[in-house]
Amino acid sequence: QWLNWSPTPTAGTMTLSSITDTVYKFMIIGKTAFVEMAATFTTGGTATATIFFATPTAAVGFPALSAHVNSSGFVAGAVYVTGGNTFGIRKYDSSNWSLAAGNYFRSEGFYRLA
């Protein structure tokens, strides 16, 4: 059964607003969490490379998931877990997100539970 969670994305000095088209779902099977996440948003302030938000459950190790990112064009991205309970999402080259409307990310994957 898929469950929803409601993280609040943050990005340090970069602001995120007009967050729409959000999907934050997860399912737990045994000691594995399966996740699906997506959002469209506007960025402002001072650009940064990483957007952070809470995982639905604590993770073991340092799992990484692939992502589809739109930041001045569609590119590959990566989602990683830091500190066991926070997702970080970046563009494939770790460059800053563009300051614009219509930025987007989407990712699906799984990680081991703590």
C-alpha atoms as a PDB file:
ATOM      1  CA  GLN A   1       0.000   0.000   0.000  1.00  0.00           C
ATOM      2  CA  TRP A   2       1.377   3.376  -1.025  1.00  0.00           C
ATOM      3  CA  LEU A   3       1.446   6.027   1.703  1.00  0.00           C
ATOM      4  CA  ASN A   4       1.900   9.791   1.421  1.00  0.00           C
ATOM      5  CA  TRP A   5       4.400  11.948   3.259  1.00  0.00           C
ATOM      6  CA  SER A   6       4.646  15.735   3.288  1.00  0.00           C
ATOM      7  CA  PRO A   7       8.239  16.987   3.318  1.00  0.00           C
ATOM      8  CA  THR A   8       9.100  20.677   3.065  1.00  0.00           C
ATOM      9  CA  PRO A   9      11.874  21.227   0.502  1.00  0.00           C
ATOM     10  CA  THR A  10      14.635  23.677   1.463  1.00  0.00           C
ATOM     11  CA  ALA A  11      17.719  24.878  -0.396  1.00  0.00           C
ATOM     12  CA  GLY A  12      19.746  27.142   1.892  1.00  0.00           C
ATOM     13  CA  THR A  13      20.002  30.602   0.296  1.00  0.00           C
ATOM     14  CA  MET A  14      17.826  29.579  -2.657  1.00  0.00           C
ATOM     15  CA  THR A  15      14.100  29.997  -2.099  1.00  0.00           C
ATOM     16  CA  LEU A  16      11.479  27.582  -3.398  1.00  0.00           C
ATOM     17  CA  SER A  17       7.972  28.845  -4.077  1.00  0.00           C
ATOM     18  CA  SER A  18       4.876  28.024  -6.129  1.00  0.00           C
ATOM     19  CA  ILE A  19       5.466  24.332  -5.416  1.00  0.00           C
ATOM     20  CA  THR A  20       2.938  22.318  -7.450  1.00  0.00           C
ATOM     21  CA  ASP A  21       2.456  18.902  -9.027  1.00  0.00           C
ATOM     22  CA  THR A  22       3.881  17.276  -5.932  1.00  0.00           C
ATOM     23  CA  VAL A  23       4.067  13.534  -5.471  1.00  0.00           C
ATOM     24  CA  TYR A  24       5.612  12.180  -2.279  1.00  0.00           C
ATOM     25  CA  LYS A  25       4.693   8.512  -1.868  1.00  0.00           C
ATOM     26  CA  PHE A  26       6.358   5.554  -0.209  1.00  0.00           C
ATOM     27  CA  MET A  27       5.739   1.889   0.486  1.00  0.00           C
ATOM     28  CA  ILE A  28       7.526  -0.363   2.962  1.00  0.00           C
ATOM     29  CA  ILE A  29       8.094  -4.030   2.204  1.00  0.00           C
ATOM     30  CA  GLY A  30      10.187  -5.819   4.798  1.00  0.00           C
ATOM     31  CA  LYS A  31      13.318  -3.713   5.396  1.00  0.00           C
ATOM     32  CA  THR A  32      13.018  -1.762   2.124  1.00  0.00           C
ATOM     33  CA  ALA A  33      11.338   1.579   1.442  1.00  0.00           C
ATOM     34  CA  PHE A  34      10.168   2.272  -2.123  1.00  0.00           C
ATOM     35  CA  VAL A  35       9.708   5.964  -2.913  1.00  0.00           C
ATOM     36  CA  GLU A  36       8.200   8.109  -5.646  1.00  0.00           C
ATOM     37  CA  MET A  37       8.721  11.868  -5.529  1.00  0.00           C
ATOM     38  CA  ALA A  38       8.142  14.793  -7.850  1.00  0.00           C
ATOM     39  CA  ALA A  39       7.593  18.540  -7.680  1.00  0.00           C
ATOM     40  CA  THR A  40       7.491  21.594  -9.919  1.00  0.00           C
ATOM     41  CA  PHE A  41       8.617  24.889  -8.373  1.00  0.00           C
ATOM     42  CA  THR A  42      10.005  28.393  -8.803  1.00  0.00           C
ATOM     43  CA  THR A  43      13.456  29.243  -7.452  1.00  0.00           C
ATOM     44  CA  GLY A  44      14.710  32.620  -6.264  1.00  0.00           C
ATOM     45  CA  GLY A  45      17.355  34.166  -4.026  1.00  0.00           C
ATOM     46  CA  THR A  46      20.920  32.913  -4.452  1.00  0.00           C
ATOM     47  CA  ALA A  47      21.208  29.722  -6.501  1.00  0.00           C
ATOM     48  CA  THR A  48      22.457  26.533  -4.828  1.00  0.00           C
ATOM     49  CA  ALA A  49      23.181  23.043  -6.120  1.00  0.00           C
ATOM     50  CA  THR A  50      21.105  20.941  -3.722  1.00  0.00           C
ATOM     51  CA  ILE A  51      17.489  20.806  -2.628  1.00  0.00           C
ATOM     52  CA  PHE A  52      16.877  18.973   0.651  1.00  0.00           C
ATOM     53  CA  PHE A  53      13.788  17.343   2.149  1.00  0.00           C
ATOM     54  CA  ALA A  54      13.054  14.699   4.764  1.00  0.00           C
ATOM     55  CA  THR A  55      12.892  11.010   3.902  1.00  0.00           C
ATOM     56  CA  PRO A  56       9.682   9.242   4.951  1.00  0.00           C
ATOM     57  CA  THR A  57      11.714   6.760   7.041  1.00  0.00           C
ATOM     58  CA  ALA A  58      15.342   6.537   8.178  1.00  0.00           C
ATOM     59  CA  ALA A  59      17.783   4.903   5.742  1.00  0.00           C
ATOM     60  CA  VAL A  60      20.816   2.668   6.216  1.00  0.00           C
ATOM     61  CA  GLY A  61      24.055   3.681   4.520  1.00  0.00           C
ATOM     62  CA  PHE A  62      24.192   6.170   1.682  1.00  0.00           C
ATOM     63  CA  PRO A  63      21.673   5.110  -0.971  1.00  0.00           C
ATOM     64  CA  ALA A  64      21.419   6.978  -4.248  1.00  0.00           C
ATOM     65  CA  LEU A  65      18.565   7.132  -6.760  1.00  0.00           C
ATOM     66  CA  SER A  66      18.424   8.500 -10.282  1.00  0.00           C
ATOM     67  CA  ALA A  67      16.319  11.556 -11.068  1.00  0.00           C
ATOM     68  CA  HIS A  68      14.883  13.472 -14.018  1.00  0.00           C
ATOM     69  CA  VAL A  69      15.495  17.198 -13.562  1.00  0.00           C
ATOM     70  CA  ASN A  70      14.406  20.315 -15.426  1.00  0.00           C
ATOM     71  CA  SER A  71      16.510  23.351 -14.604  1.00  0.00           C
ATOM     72  CA  SER A  72      16.911  25.410 -17.804  1.00  0.00           C
ATOM     73  CA  GLY A  73      16.529  22.174 -19.753  1.00  0.00           C
ATOM     74  CA  PHE A  74      15.959  18.514 -18.965  1.00  0.00           C
ATOM     75  CA  VAL A  75      18.998  16.718 -17.556  1.00  0.00           C
ATOM     76  CA  ALA A  76      19.810  13.692 -15.463  1.00  0.00           C
ATOM     77  CA  GLY A  77      20.011  14.113 -11.727  1.00  0.00           C
ATOM     78  CA  ALA A  78      20.675  12.198  -8.554  1.00  0.00           C
ATOM     79  CA  VAL A  79      18.927  11.849  -5.230  1.00  0.00           C
ATOM     80  CA  TYR A  80      21.025  10.773  -2.269  1.00  0.00           C
ATOM     81  CA  VAL A  81      20.401  10.295   1.436  1.00  0.00           C
ATOM     82  CA  THR A  82      22.471  12.247   3.918  1.00  0.00           C
ATOM     83  CA  GLY A  83      22.401  11.840   7.689  1.00  0.00           C
ATOM     84  CA  GLY A  84      20.094   8.844   7.346  1.00  0.00           C
ATOM     85  CA  ASN A  85      16.929  10.933   7.092  1.00  0.00           C
ATOM     86  CA  THR A  86      17.357  13.681   4.491  1.00  0.00           C
ATOM     87  CA  PHE A  87      17.163  13.459   0.696  1.00  0.00           C
ATOM     88  CA  GLY A  88      19.384  15.747  -1.360  1.00  0.00           C
ATOM     89  CA  ILE A  89      18.623  16.206  -5.057  1.00  0.00           C
ATOM     90  CA  ARG A  90      21.116  17.580  -7.560  1.00  0.00           C
ATOM     91  CA  LYS A  91      21.651  17.921 -11.270  1.00  0.00           C
ATOM     92  CA  TYR A  92      24.024  15.359 -12.795  1.00  0.00           C
ATOM     93  CA  ASP A  93      26.967  17.810 -12.771  1.00  0.00           C
ATOM     94  CA  SER A  94      26.221  19.280  -9.309  1.00  0.00           C
ATOM     95  CA  SER A  95      25.826  22.748 -10.837  1.00  0.00           C
ATOM     96  CA  ASN A  96      23.422  25.246  -9.309  1.00  0.00           C
ATOM     97  CA  TRP A  97      19.706  25.127 -10.075  1.00  0.00           C
ATOM     98  CA  SER A  98      18.575  27.905 -12.401  1.00  0.00           C
ATOM     99  CA  LEU A  99      16.646  30.772 -10.821  1.00  0.00           C
ATOM    100  CA  ALA A 100      13.384  30.461 -12.718  1.00  0.00           C
ATOM    101  CA  ALA A 101       9.829  29.198 -12.762  1.00  0.00           C
ATOM    102  CA  GLY A 102       9.154  25.679 -14.002  1.00  0.00           C
ATOM    103  CA  ASN A 103      12.032  23.858 -12.331  1.00  0.00           C
ATOM    104  CA  TYR A 104      11.147  20.212 -11.825  1.00  0.00           C
ATOM    105  CA  PHE A 105      12.377  16.923 -10.424  1.00  0.00           C
ATOM    106  CA  ARG A 106      11.069  13.379 -10.475  1.00  0.00           C
ATOM    107  CA  SER A 107      12.586  10.255  -8.956  1.00  0.00           C
ATOM    108  CA  GLU A 108      11.602   6.717  -8.080  1.00  0.00           C
ATOM    109  CA  GLY A 109      13.649   4.089  -6.287  1.00  0.00           C
ATOM    110  CA  PHE A 110      14.246   2.251  -3.072  1.00  0.00           C
ATOM    111  CA  TYR A 111      16.551   2.158  -0.059  1.00  0.00           C
ATOM    112  CA  ARG A 112      17.189  -0.078   2.948  1.00  0.00           C
ATOM    113  CA  LEU A 113      15.583   0.864   6.229  1.00  0.00           C
ATOM    114  CA  ALA A 114      17.468   1.493   9.449  1.00  0.00           C
END
